[in-house]
Amino acid sequence: KRLQTSGVIVRYCYVPETSKLGVSGYTGLLVEQRPSPPLREALLQFLRRHPRVVALTLNAGEWSVEFDLHVDGGDELAAFESALSDALPSGAFSLRMLQVRQMHKLQPLPGA
C-alpha cells in the first residue's frame, strides 16, 4: 500500500487464469508504430508460425493487424506477449489484447 501511495506502483495488471473461467480466447489488436515492409513481414511470420494464433486479419483502419489467440491460461498469454515483444524491435507496435467472452456467430467466408 505504501508503494502505491508513494507512486512507485502506478497500477496493477491482473492476468486471470482463464481456464478456470471457461474462457480461453483473446483477440489481439495491433497498431504498427513504425510501419515498414520488413517489420510487417517479421510480425506476420511470427503470427503465422505461432501455434496458438488461429486467425489473422490485415486491416485498413485503426488496427493494422487483428488476430485470434487460443491459450490455456494466463501464463500462456503472458508468454505469448513476451515472445512477440522479443521478436520485434521495441516501439515497433502497440498491442491491445481483448478477452473474448462469447462468440455469437462464426461461419466460413463464401467460397472458402
PDB file of N, CA and C in Angstrom:
ATOM      1  N   LYS A   1       0.837  -1.197   0.000  1.00  0.00           N
ATOM      2  CA  LYS A   1       0.000   0.000   0.000  1.00  0.00           C
ATOM      3  C   LYS A   1       0.875   1.253   0.000  1.00  0.00           C
ATOM      4  N   ARG A   2       1.974   1.215   0.782  1.00  0.00           N
ATOM      5  CA  ARG A   2       2.870   2.358   0.859  1.00  0.00           C
ATOM      6  C   ARG A   2       3.511   2.654  -0.502  1.00  0.00           C
ATOM      7  N   LEU A   3       3.893   1.614  -1.254  1.00  0.00           N
ATOM      8  CA  LEU A   3       4.478   1.809  -2.584  1.00  0.00           C
ATOM      9  C   LEU A   3       3.474   2.432  -3.549  1.00  0.00           C
ATOM     10  N   GLN A   4       2.229   2.068  -3.412  1.00  0.00           N
ATOM     11  CA  GLN A   4       1.183   2.638  -4.246  1.00  0.00           C
ATOM     12  C   GLN A   4       0.974   4.119  -3.899  1.00  0.00           C
ATOM     13  N   THR A   5       0.928   4.441  -2.618  1.00  0.00           N
ATOM     14  CA  THR A   5       0.728   5.813  -2.168  1.00  0.00           C
ATOM     15  C   THR A   5       1.897   6.710  -2.588  1.00  0.00           C
ATOM     16  N   SER A   6       3.107   6.168  -2.551  1.00  0.00           N
ATOM     17  CA  SER A   6       4.277   6.961  -2.917  1.00  0.00           C
ATOM     18  C   SER A   6       4.474   7.086  -4.423  1.00  0.00           C
ATOM     19  N   GLY A   7       3.671   6.374  -5.207  1.00  0.00           N
ATOM     20  CA  GLY A   7       3.753   6.479  -6.658  1.00  0.00           C
ATOM     21  C   GLY A   7       4.676   5.473  -7.317  1.00  0.00           C
ATOM     22  N   VAL A   8       5.278   4.573  -6.549  1.00  0.00           N
ATOM     23  CA  VAL A   8       6.142   3.544  -7.130  1.00  0.00           C
ATOM     24  C   VAL A   8       5.301   2.550  -7.928  1.00  0.00           C
ATOM     25  N   ILE A   9       4.180   2.148  -7.358  1.00  0.00           N
ATOM     26  CA  ILE A   9       3.233   1.285  -8.071  1.00  0.00           C
ATOM     27  C   ILE A   9       2.140   2.188  -8.621  1.00  0.00           C
ATOM     28  N   VAL A  10       2.045   2.224  -9.946  1.00  0.00           N
ATOM     29  CA  VAL A  10       1.083   3.100 -10.596  1.00  0.00           C
ATOM     30  C   VAL A  10      -0.254   2.405 -10.812  1.00  0.00           C
ATOM     31  N   ARG A  11      -0.199   1.136 -11.201  1.00  0.00           N
ATOM     32  CA  ARG A  11      -1.424   0.367 -11.423  1.00  0.00           C
ATOM     33  C   ARG A  11      -1.103  -1.109 -11.317  1.00  0.00           C
ATOM     34  N   TYR A  12      -2.136  -1.894 -11.183  1.00  0.00           N
ATOM     35  CA  TYR A  12      -1.995  -3.342 -11.151  1.00  0.00           C
ATOM     36  C   TYR A  12      -2.489  -3.910 -12.473  1.00  0.00           C
ATOM     37  N   CYS A  13      -1.895  -4.990 -12.887  1.00  0.00           N
ATOM     38  CA  CYS A  13      -2.322  -5.678 -14.097  1.00  0.00           C
ATOM     39  C   CYS A  13      -2.708  -7.097 -13.700  1.00  0.00           C
ATOM     40  N   TYR A  14      -3.965  -7.426 -13.819  1.00  0.00           N
ATOM     41  CA  TYR A  14      -4.434  -8.757 -13.483  1.00  0.00           C
ATOM     42  C   TYR A  14      -4.320  -9.663 -14.690  1.00  0.00           C
ATOM     43  N   VAL A  15      -3.818 -10.860 -14.481  1.00  0.00           N
ATOM     44  CA  VAL A  15      -3.761 -11.878 -15.514  1.00  0.00           C
ATOM     45  C   VAL A  15      -4.616 -13.036 -15.015  1.00  0.00           C
ATOM     46  N   PRO A  16      -5.879 -13.088 -15.463  1.00  0.00           N
ATOM     47  CA  PRO A  16      -6.769 -14.128 -14.952  1.00  0.00           C
ATOM     48  C   PRO A  16      -6.380 -15.507 -15.442  1.00  0.00           C
ATOM     49  N   GLU A  17      -6.656 -16.510 -14.642  1.00  0.00           N
ATOM     50  CA  GLU A  17      -6.474 -17.904 -15.057  1.00  0.00           C
ATOM     51  C   GLU A  17      -7.729 -18.264 -15.841  1.00  0.00           C
ATOM     52  N   THR A  18      -7.667 -18.041 -17.154  1.00  0.00           N
ATOM     53  CA  THR A  18      -8.856 -18.144 -17.994  1.00  0.00           C
ATOM     54  C   THR A  18      -9.457 -19.544 -18.018  1.00  0.00           C
ATOM     55  N   SER A  19      -8.636 -20.566 -17.829  1.00  0.00           N
ATOM     56  CA  SER A  19      -9.196 -21.925 -17.859  1.00  0.00           C
ATOM     57  C   SER A  19     -10.198 -22.123 -16.726  1.00  0.00           C
ATOM     58  N   LYS A  20     -10.017 -21.433 -15.610  1.00  0.00           N
ATOM     59  CA  LYS A  20     -10.963 -21.543 -14.502  1.00  0.00           C
ATOM     60  C   LYS A  20     -12.252 -20.774 -14.774  1.00  0.00           C
ATOM     61  N   LEU A  21     -12.183 -19.811 -15.677  1.00  0.00           N
ATOM     62  CA  LEU A  21     -13.371 -19.052 -16.054  1.00  0.00           C
ATOM     63  C   LEU A  21     -14.096 -19.684 -17.235  1.00  0.00           C
ATOM     64  N   GLY A  22     -13.467 -20.662 -17.842  1.00  0.00           N
ATOM     65  CA  GLY A  22     -14.051 -21.270 -19.029  1.00  0.00           C
ATOM     66  C   GLY A  22     -13.833 -20.427 -20.272  1.00  0.00           C
ATOM     67  N   VAL A  23     -12.892 -19.498 -20.224  1.00  0.00           N
ATOM     68  CA  VAL A  23     -12.606 -18.602 -21.336  1.00  0.00           C
ATOM     69  C   VAL A  23     -11.152 -18.779 -21.731  1.00  0.00           C
ATOM     70  N   SER A  24     -10.904 -18.985 -23.007  1.00  0.00           N
ATOM     71  CA  SER A  24      -9.518 -19.147 -23.425  1.00  0.00           C
ATOM     72  C   SER A  24      -9.217 -18.389 -24.706  1.00  0.00           C
ATOM     73  N   GLY A  25     -10.133 -17.562 -25.153  1.00  0.00           N
ATOM     74  CA  GLY A  25      -9.927 -16.850 -26.400  1.00  0.00           C
ATOM     75  C   GLY A  25      -9.602 -15.390 -26.185  1.00  0.00           C
ATOM     76  N   TYR A  26      -8.683 -14.889 -26.992  1.00  0.00           N
ATOM     77  CA  TYR A  26      -8.312 -13.480 -26.968  1.00  0.00           C
ATOM     78  C   TYR A  26      -8.254 -12.975 -28.395  1.00  0.00           C
ATOM     79  N   THR A  27      -8.562 -11.718 -28.572  1.00  0.00           N
ATOM     80  CA  THR A  27      -8.348 -11.045 -29.840  1.00  0.00           C
ATOM     81  C   THR A  27      -7.262 -10.009 -29.609  1.00  0.00           C
ATOM     82  N   GLY A  28      -6.253 -10.053 -30.447  1.00  0.00           N
ATOM     83  CA  GLY A  28      -5.173  -9.083 -30.361  1.00  0.00           C
ATOM     84  C   GLY A  28      -5.380  -8.001 -31.391  1.00  0.00           C
ATOM     85  N   LEU A  29      -5.311  -6.753 -30.953  1.00  0.00           N
ATOM     86  CA  LEU A  29      -5.417  -5.605 -31.853  1.00  0.00           C
ATOM     87  C   LEU A  29      -4.062  -4.919 -31.848  1.00  0.00           C
ATOM     88  N   LEU A  30      -3.465  -4.805 -33.007  1.00  0.00           N
ATOM     89  CA  LEU A  30      -2.102  -4.335 -33.094  1.00  0.00           C
ATOM     90  C   LEU A  30      -2.002  -3.159 -34.053  1.00  0.00           C
ATOM     91  N   VAL A  31      -1.329  -2.105 -33.626  1.00  0.00           N
ATOM     92  CA  VAL A  31      -1.075  -0.932 -34.459  1.00  0.00           C
ATOM     93  C   VAL A  31       0.427  -0.845 -34.679  1.00  0.00           C
ATOM     94  N   GLU A  32       0.819  -0.743 -35.928  1.00  0.00           N
ATOM     95  CA  GLU A  32       2.236  -0.575 -36.246  1.00  0.00           C
ATOM     96  C   GLU A  32       2.623   0.875 -35.994  1.00  0.00           C
ATOM     97  N   GLN A  33       3.581   1.094 -35.109  1.00  0.00           N
ATOM     98  CA  GLN A  33       4.026   2.444 -34.788  1.00  0.00           C
ATOM     99  C   GLN A  33       5.014   2.972 -35.832  1.00  0.00           C
ATOM    100  N   ARG A  34       5.829   2.075 -36.346  1.00  0.00           N
ATOM    101  CA  ARG A  34       6.822   2.444 -37.367  1.00  0.00           C
ATOM    102  C   ARG A  34       6.650   1.504 -38.550  1.00  0.00           C
ATOM    103  N   PRO A  35       5.619   1.732 -39.384  1.00  0.00           N
ATOM    104  CA  PRO A  35       5.346   0.795 -40.480  1.00  0.00           C
ATOM    105  C   PRO A  35       6.511   0.712 -41.473  1.00  0.00           C
ATOM    106  N   SER A  36       6.865  -0.504 -41.809  1.00  0.00           N
ATOM    107  CA  SER A  36       7.852  -0.751 -42.858  1.00  0.00           C
ATOM    108  C   SER A  36       7.640  -2.179 -43.337  1.00  0.00           C
ATOM    109  N   PRO A  37       7.903  -2.444 -44.617  1.00  0.00           N
ATOM    110  CA  PRO A  37       7.704  -3.810 -45.128  1.00  0.00           C
ATOM    111  C   PRO A  37       8.480  -4.879 -44.356  1.00  0.00           C
ATOM    112  N   PRO A  38       9.762  -4.670 -43.986  1.00  0.00           N
ATOM    113  CA  PRO A  38      10.468  -5.722 -43.235  1.00  0.00           C
ATOM    114  C   PRO A  38       9.867  -5.983 -41.847  1.00  0.00           C
ATOM    115  N   LEU A  39       9.464  -4.913 -41.144  1.00  0.00           N
ATOM    116  CA  LEU A  39       8.852  -5.103 -39.825  1.00  0.00           C
ATOM    117  C   LEU A  39       7.511  -5.815 -39.937  1.00  0.00           C
ATOM    118  N   ARG A  40       6.718  -5.426 -40.928  1.00  0.00           N
ATOM    119  CA  ARG A  40       5.422  -6.077 -41.116  1.00  0.00           C
ATOM    120  C   ARG A  40       5.617  -7.550 -41.438  1.00  0.00           C
ATOM    121  N   GLU A  41       6.574  -7.869 -42.277  1.00  0.00           N
ATOM    122  CA  GLU A  41       6.812  -9.272 -42.642  1.00  0.00           C
ATOM    123  C   GLU A  41       7.276 -10.072 -41.418  1.00  0.00           C
ATOM    124  N   ALA A  42       8.133  -9.479 -40.586  1.00  0.00           N
ATOM    125  CA  ALA A  42       8.577 -10.165 -39.362  1.00  0.00           C
ATOM    126  C   ALA A  42       7.393 -10.425 -38.435  1.00  0.00           C
ATOM    127  N   LEU A  43       6.511  -9.455 -38.312  1.00  0.00           N
ATOM    128  CA  LEU A  43       5.313  -9.610 -37.483  1.00  0.00           C
ATOM    129  C   LEU A  43       4.421 -10.724 -38.024  1.00  0.00           C
ATOM    130  N   LEU A  44       4.144 -10.674 -39.319  1.00  0.00           N
ATOM    131  CA  LEU A  44       3.264 -11.675 -39.921  1.00  0.00           C
ATOM    132  C   LEU A  44       3.863 -13.074 -39.821  1.00  0.00           C
ATOM    133  N   GLN A  45       5.170 -13.199 -40.018  1.00  0.00           N
ATOM    134  CA  GLN A  45       5.811 -14.511 -39.894  1.00  0.00           C
ATOM    135  C   GLN A  45       5.675 -15.045 -38.466  1.00  0.00           C
ATOM    136  N   PHE A  46       5.866 -14.168 -37.479  1.00  0.00           N
ATOM    137  CA  PHE A  46       5.716 -14.594 -36.086  1.00  0.00           C
ATOM    138  C   PHE A  46       4.300 -15.101 -35.836  1.00  0.00           C
ATOM    139  N   LEU A  47       3.302 -14.333 -36.258  1.00  0.00           N
ATOM    140  CA  LEU A  47       1.906 -14.715 -36.010  1.00  0.00           C
ATOM    141  C   LEU A  47       1.516 -15.969 -36.789  1.00  0.00           C
ATOM    142  N   ARG A  48       1.983 -16.096 -38.029  1.00  0.00           N
ATOM    143  CA  ARG A  48       1.653 -17.281 -38.835  1.00  0.00           C
ATOM    144  C   ARG A  48       2.228 -18.555 -38.222  1.00  0.00           C
ATOM    145  N   ARG A  49       3.412 -18.456 -37.643  1.00  0.00           N
ATOM    146  CA  ARG A  49       4.090 -19.636 -37.104  1.00  0.00           C
ATOM    147  C   ARG A  49       3.688 -19.990 -35.678  1.00  0.00           C
ATOM    148  N   HIS A  50       3.100 -19.045 -34.970  1.00  0.00           N
ATOM    149  CA  HIS A  50       2.779 -19.318 -33.568  1.00  0.00           C
ATOM    150  C   HIS A  50       1.618 -20.310 -33.494  1.00  0.00           C
ATOM    151  N   PRO A  51       1.776 -21.406 -32.758  1.00  0.00           N
ATOM    152  CA  PRO A  51       0.747 -22.454 -32.745  1.00  0.00           C
ATOM    153  C   PRO A  51      -0.574 -22.033 -32.093  1.00  0.00           C
ATOM    154  N   ARG A  52      -0.595 -20.977 -31.286  1.00  0.00           N
ATOM    155  CA  ARG A  52      -1.821 -20.553 -30.602  1.00  0.00           C
ATOM    156  C   ARG A  52      -2.608 -19.500 -31.366  1.00  0.00           C
ATOM    157  N   VAL A  53      -2.044 -18.961 -32.440  1.00  0.00           N
ATOM    158  CA  VAL A  53      -2.762 -17.989 -33.272  1.00  0.00           C
ATOM    159  C   VAL A  53      -3.623 -18.767 -34.253  1.00  0.00           C
ATOM    160  N   VAL A  54      -4.938 -18.550 -34.180  1.00  0.00           N
ATOM    161  CA  VAL A  54      -5.866 -19.330 -35.004  1.00  0.00           C
ATOM    162  C   VAL A  54      -6.470 -18.527 -36.153  1.00  0.00           C
ATOM    163  N   ALA A  55      -6.340 -17.206 -36.126  1.00  0.00           N
ATOM    164  CA  ALA A  55      -6.849 -16.366 -37.212  1.00  0.00           C
ATOM    165  C   ALA A  55      -6.004 -15.107 -37.276  1.00  0.00           C
ATOM    166  N   LEU A  56      -5.839 -14.589 -38.486  1.00  0.00           N
ATOM    167  CA  LEU A  56      -5.012 -13.404 -38.704  1.00  0.00           C
ATOM    168  C   LEU A  56      -5.665 -12.562 -39.785  1.00  0.00           C
ATOM    169  N   THR A  57      -5.861 -11.272 -39.503  1.00  0.00           N
ATOM    170  CA  THR A  57      -6.514 -10.367 -40.443  1.00  0.00           C
ATOM    171  C   THR A  57      -5.698  -9.096 -40.573  1.00  0.00           C
ATOM    172  N   LEU A  58      -5.458  -8.667 -41.815  1.00  0.00           N
ATOM    173  CA  LEU A  58      -4.825  -7.373 -42.066  1.00  0.00           C
ATOM    174  C   LEU A  58      -5.936  -6.375 -42.344  1.00  0.00           C
ATOM    175  N   ASN A  59      -5.886  -5.239 -41.689  1.00  0.00           N
ATOM    176  CA  ASN A  59      -6.959  -4.256 -41.783  1.00  0.00           C
ATOM    177  C   ASN A  59      -6.474  -2.951 -42.400  1.00  0.00           C
ATOM    178  N   ALA A  60      -7.411  -2.215 -42.972  1.00  0.00           N
ATOM    179  CA  ALA A  60      -7.149  -0.862 -43.467  1.00  0.00           C
ATOM    180  C   ALA A  60      -7.943   0.077 -42.572  1.00  0.00           C
ATOM    181  N   GLY A  61      -7.466   0.271 -41.378  1.00  0.00           N
ATOM    182  CA  GLY A  61      -8.172   1.119 -40.425  1.00  0.00           C
ATOM    183  C   GLY A  61      -7.311   1.375 -39.223  1.00  0.00           C
ATOM    184  N   GLU A  62      -7.961   1.641 -38.113  1.00  0.00           N
ATOM    185  CA  GLU A  62      -7.233   1.979 -36.891  1.00  0.00           C
ATOM    186  C   GLU A  62      -6.277   0.868 -36.455  1.00  0.00           C
ATOM    187  N   TRP A  63      -6.742  -0.386 -36.524  1.00  0.00           N
ATOM    188  CA  TRP A  63      -5.901  -1.531 -36.146  1.00  0.00           C
ATOM    189  C   TRP A  63      -5.345  -2.140 -37.416  1.00  0.00           C
ATOM    190  N   SER A  64      -4.031  -2.128 -37.589  1.00  0.00           N
ATOM    191  CA  SER A  64      -3.461  -2.647 -38.823  1.00  0.00           C
ATOM    192  C   SER A  64      -3.476  -4.167 -38.890  1.00  0.00           C
ATOM    193  N   VAL A  65      -3.403  -4.820 -37.726  1.00  0.00           N
ATOM    194  CA  VAL A  65      -3.420  -6.287 -37.682  1.00  0.00           C
ATOM    195  C   VAL A  65      -4.330  -6.723 -36.540  1.00  0.00           C
ATOM    196  N   GLU A  66      -5.156  -7.710 -36.820  1.00  0.00           N
ATOM    197  CA  GLU A  66      -6.028  -8.309 -35.800  1.00  0.00           C
ATOM    198  C   GLU A  66      -5.812  -9.815 -35.849  1.00  0.00           C
ATOM    199  N   PHE A  67      -5.710 -10.431 -34.671  1.00  0.00           N
ATOM    200  CA  PHE A  67      -5.514 -11.880 -34.661  1.00  0.00           C
ATOM    201  C   PHE A  67      -6.265 -12.490 -33.486  1.00  0.00           C
ATOM    202  N   ASP A  68      -6.626 -13.756 -33.648  1.00  0.00           N
ATOM    203  CA  ASP A  68      -7.286 -14.506 -32.586  1.00  0.00           C
ATOM    204  C   ASP A  68      -6.293 -15.499 -32.013  1.00  0.00           C
ATOM    205  N   LEU A  69      -6.316 -15.597 -30.694  1.00  0.00           N
ATOM    206  CA  LEU A  69      -5.354 -16.405 -29.965  1.00  0.00           C
ATOM    207  C   LEU A  69      -6.110 -17.294 -28.992  1.00  0.00           C
ATOM    208  N   HIS A  70      -5.801 -18.581 -28.982  1.00  0.00           N
ATOM    209  CA  HIS A  70      -6.383 -19.515 -28.017  1.00  0.00           C
ATOM    210  C   HIS A  70      -5.269 -20.006 -27.110  1.00  0.00           C
ATOM    211  N   VAL A  71      -5.411 -19.763 -25.811  1.00  0.00           N
ATOM    212  CA  VAL A  71      -4.412 -20.171 -24.824  1.00  0.00           C
ATOM    213  C   VAL A  71      -5.092 -20.935 -23.701  1.00  0.00           C
ATOM    214  N   ASP A  72      -4.294 -21.664 -22.930  1.00  0.00           N
ATOM    215  CA  ASP A  72      -4.839 -22.452 -21.827  1.00  0.00           C
ATOM    216  C   ASP A  72      -4.880 -21.691 -20.515  1.00  0.00           C
ATOM    217  N   GLY A  73      -4.317 -20.514 -20.462  1.00  0.00           N
ATOM    218  CA  GLY A  73      -4.352 -19.744 -19.226  1.00  0.00           C
ATOM    219  C   GLY A  73      -3.514 -18.491 -19.297  1.00  0.00           C
ATOM    220  N   GLY A  74      -3.489 -17.775 -18.189  1.00  0.00           N
ATOM    221  CA  GLY A  74      -2.784 -16.511 -18.113  1.00  0.00           C
ATOM    222  C   GLY A  74      -1.297 -16.616 -18.356  1.00  0.00           C
ATOM    223  N   ASP A  75      -0.687 -17.721 -17.927  1.00  0.00           N
ATOM    224  CA  ASP A  75       0.750 -17.895 -18.140  1.00  0.00           C
ATOM    225  C   ASP A  75       1.079 -17.997 -19.622  1.00  0.00           C
ATOM    226  N   GLU A  76       0.238 -18.700 -20.379  1.00  0.00           N
ATOM    227  CA  GLU A  76       0.471 -18.819 -21.822  1.00  0.00           C
ATOM    228  C   GLU A  76       0.273 -17.481 -22.516  1.00  0.00           C
ATOM    229  N   LEU A  77      -0.693 -16.695 -22.065  1.00  0.00           N
ATOM    230  CA  LEU A  77      -0.911 -15.370 -22.640  1.00  0.00           C
ATOM    231  C   LEU A  77       0.312 -14.487 -22.383  1.00  0.00           C
ATOM    232  N   ALA A  78       0.815 -14.497 -21.157  1.00  0.00           N
ATOM    233  CA  ALA A  78       2.000 -13.704 -20.820  1.00  0.00           C
ATOM    234  C   ALA A  78       3.209 -14.164 -21.638  1.00  0.00           C
ATOM    235  N   ALA A  79       3.361 -15.468 -21.836  1.00  0.00           N
ATOM    236  CA  ALA A  79       4.473 -15.997 -22.629  1.00  0.00           C
ATOM    237  C   ALA A  79       4.359 -15.558 -24.089  1.00  0.00           C
ATOM    238  N   PHE A  80       3.136 -15.549 -24.620  1.00  0.00           N
ATOM    239  CA  PHE A  80       2.922 -15.098 -25.998  1.00  0.00           C
ATOM    240  C   PHE A  80       3.324 -13.632 -26.142  1.00  0.00           C
ATOM    241  N   GLU A  81       2.842 -12.791 -25.223  1.00  0.00           N
ATOM    242  CA  GLU A  81       3.152 -11.362 -25.296  1.00  0.00           C
ATOM    243  C   GLU A  81       4.658 -11.118 -25.178  1.00  0.00           C
ATOM    244  N   SER A  82       5.328 -11.866 -24.322  1.00  0.00           N
ATOM    245  CA  SER A  82       6.772 -11.739 -24.163  1.00  0.00           C
ATOM    246  C   SER A  82       7.507 -12.158 -25.436  1.00  0.00           C
ATOM    247  N   ALA A  83       7.087 -13.271 -26.033  1.00  0.00           N
ATOM    248  CA  ALA A  83       7.718 -13.750 -27.265  1.00  0.00           C
ATOM    249  C   ALA A  83       7.516 -12.762 -28.405  1.00  0.00           C
ATOM    250  N   LEU A  84       6.340 -12.150 -28.487  1.00  0.00           N
ATOM    251  CA  LEU A  84       6.069 -11.158 -29.520  1.00  0.00           C
ATOM    252  C   LEU A  84       6.971  -9.940 -29.325  1.00  0.00           C
ATOM    253  N   SER A  85       7.116  -9.498 -28.084  1.00  0.00           N
ATOM    254  CA  SER A  85       7.999  -8.362 -27.800  1.00  0.00           C
ATOM    255  C   SER A  85       9.449  -8.675 -28.139  1.00  0.00           C
ATOM    256  N   ASP A  86       9.863  -9.919 -27.883  1.00  0.00           N
ATOM    257  CA  ASP A  86      11.238 -10.324 -28.194  1.00  0.00           C
ATOM    258  C   ASP A  86      11.482 -10.426 -29.698  1.00  0.00           C
ATOM    259  N   ALA A  87      10.433 -10.749 -30.456  1.00  0.00           N
ATOM    260  CA  ALA A  87      10.580 -10.976 -31.893  1.00  0.00           C
ATOM    261  C   ALA A  87      10.683  -9.684 -32.694  1.00  0.00           C
ATOM    262  N   LEU A  88      10.194  -8.583 -32.138  1.00  0.00           N
ATOM    263  CA  LEU A  88      10.179  -7.321 -32.870  1.00  0.00           C
ATOM    264  C   LEU A  88      10.881  -6.225 -32.078  1.00  0.00           C
ATOM    265  N   PRO A  89      11.413  -5.211 -32.765  1.00  0.00           N
ATOM    266  CA  PRO A  89      12.103  -4.123 -32.068  1.00  0.00           C
ATOM    267  C   PRO A  89      11.157  -3.366 -31.129  1.00  0.00           C
ATOM    268  N   SER A  90      11.718  -2.839 -30.072  1.00  0.00           N
ATOM    269  CA  SER A  90      10.957  -2.054 -29.108  1.00  0.00           C
ATOM    270  C   SER A  90      10.327  -0.843 -29.794  1.00  0.00           C
ATOM    271  N   GLY A  91       9.067  -0.593 -29.507  1.00  0.00           N
ATOM    272  CA  GLY A  91       8.371   0.557 -30.083  1.00  0.00           C
ATOM    273  C   GLY A  91       7.858   0.346 -31.490  1.00  0.00           C
ATOM    274  N   ALA A  92       7.994  -0.877 -32.019  1.00  0.00           N
ATOM    275  CA  ALA A  92       7.557  -1.140 -33.391  1.00  0.00           C
ATOM    276  C   ALA A  92       6.036  -1.239 -33.502  1.00  0.00           C
ATOM    277  N   PHE A  93       5.377  -1.560 -32.387  1.00  0.00           N
ATOM    278  CA  PHE A  93       3.940  -1.750 -32.437  1.00  0.00           C
ATOM    279  C   PHE A  93       3.320  -1.456 -31.078  1.00  0.00           C
ATOM    280  N   SER A  94       2.023  -1.276 -31.114  1.00  0.00           N
ATOM    281  CA  SER A  94       1.223  -1.131 -29.900  1.00  0.00           C
ATOM    282  C   SER A  94       0.214  -2.275 -29.916  1.00  0.00           C
ATOM    283  N   LEU A  95       0.101  -3.002 -28.811  1.00  0.00           N
ATOM    284  CA  LEU A  95      -0.747  -4.190 -28.754  1.00  0.00           C
ATOM    285  C   LEU A  95      -1.798  -4.042 -27.669  1.00  0.00           C
ATOM    286  N   ARG A  96      -3.009  -4.441 -28.011  1.00  0.00           N
ATOM    287  CA  ARG A  96      -4.091  -4.498 -27.032  1.00  0.00           C
ATOM    288  C   ARG A  96      -4.743  -5.867 -27.147  1.00  0.00           C
ATOM    289  N   MET A  97      -4.815  -6.585 -26.027  1.00  0.00           N
ATOM    290  CA  MET A  97      -5.418  -7.912 -26.011  1.00  0.00           C
ATOM    291  C   MET A  97      -6.796  -7.818 -25.371  1.00  0.00           C
ATOM    292  N   LEU A  98      -7.799  -8.324 -26.058  1.00  0.00           N
ATOM    293  CA  LEU A  98      -9.168  -8.335 -25.565  1.00  0.00           C
ATOM    294  C   LEU A  98      -9.579  -9.775 -25.281  1.00  0.00           C
ATOM    295  N   GLN A  99     -10.140 -10.000 -24.121  1.00  0.00           N
ATOM    296  CA  GLN A  99     -10.609 -11.335 -23.776  1.00  0.00           C
ATOM    297  C   GLN A  99     -11.970 -11.562 -24.426  1.00  0.00           C
ATOM    298  N   VAL A 100     -12.097 -12.653 -25.156  1.00  0.00           N
ATOM    299  CA  VAL A 100     -13.349 -12.994 -25.822  1.00  0.00           C
ATOM    300  C   VAL A 100     -14.220 -13.734 -24.823  1.00  0.00           C
ATOM    301  N   ARG A 101     -15.362 -13.171 -24.496  1.00  0.00           N
ATOM    302  CA  ARG A 101     -16.272 -13.817 -23.553  1.00  0.00           C
ATOM    303  C   ARG A 101     -17.245 -14.759 -24.241  1.00  0.00           C
ATOM    304  N   GLN A 102     -17.775 -14.305 -25.353  1.00  0.00           N
ATOM    305  CA  GLN A 102     -18.760 -15.094 -26.080  1.00  0.00           C
ATOM    306  C   GLN A 102     -18.643 -14.803 -27.558  1.00  0.00           C
ATOM    307  N   MET A 103     -18.731 -15.836 -28.359  1.00  0.00           N
ATOM    308  CA  MET A 103     -18.766 -15.647 -29.795  1.00  0.00           C
ATOM    309  C   MET A 103     -20.174 -16.014 -30.247  1.00  0.00           C
ATOM    310  N   HIS A 104     -20.830 -15.097 -30.891  1.00  0.00           N
ATOM    311  CA  HIS A 104     -22.225 -15.314 -31.254  1.00  0.00           C
ATOM    312  C   HIS A 104     -22.417 -15.919 -32.634  1.00  0.00           C
ATOM    313  N   LYS A 105     -21.491 -15.666 -33.537  1.00  0.00           N
ATOM    314  CA  LYS A 105     -21.661 -16.210 -34.881  1.00  0.00           C
ATOM    315  C   LYS A 105     -20.293 -16.383 -35.512  1.00  0.00           C
ATOM    316  N   LEU A 106     -20.072 -17.524 -36.063  1.00  0.00           N
ATOM    317  CA  LEU A 106     -18.838 -17.801 -36.777  1.00  0.00           C
ATOM    318  C   LEU A 106     -19.172 -18.708 -37.939  1.00  0.00           C
ATOM    319  N   GLN A 107     -18.897 -18.237 -39.120  1.00  0.00           N
ATOM    320  CA  GLN A 107     -19.163 -19.056 -40.295  1.00  0.00           C
ATOM    321  C   GLN A 107     -18.076 -18.803 -41.316  1.00  0.00           C
ATOM    322  N   PRO A 108     -17.828 -19.771 -42.172  1.00  0.00           N
ATOM    323  CA  PRO A 108     -16.784 -19.577 -43.194  1.00  0.00           C
ATOM    324  C   PRO A 108     -17.201 -18.519 -44.213  1.00  0.00           C
ATOM    325  N   LEU A 109     -16.200 -17.882 -44.798  1.00  0.00           N
ATOM    326  CA  LEU A 109     -16.468 -16.912 -45.846  1.00  0.00           C
ATOM    327  C   LEU A 109     -16.995 -17.636 -47.079  1.00  0.00           C
ATOM    328  N   PRO A 110     -17.856 -16.978 -47.859  1.00  0.00           N
ATOM    329  CA  PRO A 110     -18.346 -17.613 -49.086  1.00  0.00           C
ATOM    330  C   PRO A 110     -17.184 -17.965 -50.001  1.00  0.00           C
ATOM    331  N   GLY A 111     -17.210 -19.168 -50.517  1.00  0.00           N
ATOM    332  CA  GLY A 111     -16.170 -19.627 -51.422  1.00  0.00           C
ATOM    333  C   GLY A 111     -14.908 -20.113 -50.729  1.00  0.00           C
ATOM    334  N   ALA A 112     -14.894 -20.090 -49.379  1.00  0.00           N
ATOM    335  CA  ALA A 112     -13.686 -20.527 -48.674  1.00  0.00           C
ATOM    336  C   ALA A 112     -13.668 -22.027 -48.511  1.00  0.00           C
TER     337      ALA A 112
END
